[in-house]
Amino acid sequence: MAHGGDIDLMLELAEPVDNPALMAAQLSAKVSRAMHGRKVDVLISAANLMRLPIHDLAFKEGRLL
């Protein structure tokens, strides 16, 4: 059975994030399980994290959920 492409999510948080890698991995795993194993990439935006070009691309081309 063919599936669509990966799911890319960006989580925008007002509060600082202590461990963004762990948070992204946990959210990715939960959503992947709910989506029957589809690959999920999670990008986190928070005040204490460096803003990268990928964040700008996500804001520009992404859809608000």
C-alpha atoms as a PDB file:
ATOM      1  CA  MET A   1       0.000   0.000   0.000  1.00  0.00           C
ATOM      2  CA  ALA A   2       1.538   3.318  -1.060  1.00  0.00           C
ATOM      3  CA  HIS A   3       1.528   6.245   1.312  1.00  0.00           C
ATOM      4  CA  GLY A   4       2.078   9.922   0.682  1.00  0.00           C
ATOM      5  CA  GLY A   5       5.276  11.694   1.631  1.00  0.00           C
ATOM      6  CA  ASP A   6       6.659  12.339   5.051  1.00  0.00           C
ATOM      7  CA  ILE A   7       4.784  14.491   7.510  1.00  0.00           C
ATOM      8  CA  ASP A   8       6.647  17.640   8.514  1.00  0.00           C
ATOM      9  CA  LEU A   9       5.458  19.493  11.608  1.00  0.00           C
ATOM     10  CA  MET A  10       6.718  22.684  13.172  1.00  0.00           C
ATOM     11  CA  LEU A  11       5.891  23.351  16.787  1.00  0.00           C
ATOM     12  CA  GLU A  12       6.051  27.030  17.751  1.00  0.00           C
ATOM     13  CA  LEU A  13       6.408  27.554  21.495  1.00  0.00           C
ATOM     14  CA  ALA A  14       6.305  30.747  23.549  1.00  0.00           C
ATOM     15  CA  GLU A  15       8.273  29.175  26.409  1.00  0.00           C
ATOM     16  CA  PRO A  16      11.950  28.157  26.295  1.00  0.00           C
ATOM     17  CA  VAL A  17      12.649  24.495  25.561  1.00  0.00           C
ATOM     18  CA  ASP A  18      15.202  22.693  27.730  1.00  0.00           C
ATOM     19  CA  ASN A  19      15.711  19.639  25.528  1.00  0.00           C
ATOM     20  CA  PRO A  20      14.412  20.266  21.995  1.00  0.00           C
ATOM     21  CA  ALA A  21      15.860  17.053  20.544  1.00  0.00           C
ATOM     22  CA  LEU A  22      14.022  14.914  23.099  1.00  0.00           C
ATOM     23  CA  MET A  23      10.790  16.869  22.657  1.00  0.00           C
ATOM     24  CA  ALA A  24      10.955  16.525  18.869  1.00  0.00           C
ATOM     25  CA  ALA A  25      11.730  12.796  19.059  1.00  0.00           C
ATOM     26  CA  GLN A  26       8.872  12.100  21.469  1.00  0.00           C
ATOM     27  CA  LEU A  27       6.346  14.057  19.406  1.00  0.00           C
ATOM     28  CA  SER A  28       7.572  12.449  16.197  1.00  0.00           C
ATOM     29  CA  ALA A  29       7.153   8.960  17.664  1.00  0.00           C
ATOM     30  CA  LYS A  30       3.638   9.667  18.971  1.00  0.00           C
ATOM     31  CA  VAL A  31       2.402  11.124  15.686  1.00  0.00           C
ATOM     32  CA  SER A  32       4.091   8.363  13.676  1.00  0.00           C
ATOM     33  CA  ARG A  33       2.315   5.685  15.726  1.00  0.00           C
ATOM     34  CA  ALA A  34      -1.011   7.480  15.251  1.00  0.00           C
ATOM     35  CA  MET A  35      -0.348   7.667  11.488  1.00  0.00           C
ATOM     36  CA  HIS A  36       0.392   3.926  11.150  1.00  0.00           C
ATOM     37  CA  GLY A  37       4.159   4.270  10.951  1.00  0.00           C
ATOM     38  CA  ARG A  38       4.471   7.180   8.535  1.00  0.00           C
ATOM     39  CA  LYS A  39       7.706   9.118   8.940  1.00  0.00           C
ATOM     40  CA  VAL A  40       7.234  12.351  10.882  1.00  0.00           C
ATOM     41  CA  ASP A  41       9.812  15.131  11.102  1.00  0.00           C
ATOM     42  CA  VAL A  42       9.374  17.708  13.869  1.00  0.00           C
ATOM     43  CA  LEU A  43      10.914  21.169  13.857  1.00  0.00           C
ATOM     44  CA  ILE A  44      10.718  23.273  17.008  1.00  0.00           C
ATOM     45  CA  SER A  45      10.694  27.051  17.183  1.00  0.00           C
ATOM     46  CA  ALA A  46      11.196  28.654  20.600  1.00  0.00           C
ATOM     47  CA  ALA A  47      12.666  31.900  21.914  1.00  0.00           C
ATOM     48  CA  ASN A  48      15.788  30.192  23.286  1.00  0.00           C
ATOM     49  CA  LEU A  49      16.553  28.233  20.110  1.00  0.00           C
ATOM     50  CA  MET A  50      18.528  29.417  17.090  1.00  0.00           C
ATOM     51  CA  ARG A  51      16.347  30.371  14.148  1.00  0.00           C
ATOM     52  CA  LEU A  52      17.520  28.704  10.951  1.00  0.00           C
ATOM     53  CA  PRO A  53      16.502  29.113   7.295  1.00  0.00           C
ATOM     54  CA  ILE A  54      14.358  25.964   7.609  1.00  0.00           C
ATOM     55  CA  HIS A  55      12.168  27.817  10.134  1.00  0.00           C
ATOM     56  CA  ASP A  56      11.579  30.634   7.630  1.00  0.00           C
ATOM     57  CA  LEU A  57      10.708  28.099   4.944  1.00  0.00           C
ATOM     58  CA  ALA A  58       8.254  26.342   7.257  1.00  0.00           C
ATOM     59  CA  PHE A  59       6.537  29.637   8.131  1.00  0.00           C
ATOM     60  CA  LYS A  60       6.380  30.642   4.464  1.00  0.00           C
ATOM     61  CA  GLU A  61       5.239  27.374   2.893  1.00  0.00           C
ATOM     62  CA  GLY A  62       3.567  25.523   5.758  1.00  0.00           C
ATOM     63  CA  ARG A  63      -0.075  25.357   6.731  1.00  0.00           C
ATOM     64  CA  LEU A  64      -1.338  26.356  10.149  1.00  0.00           C
ATOM     65  CA  LEU A  65      -3.041  23.468  11.925  1.00  0.00           C
END
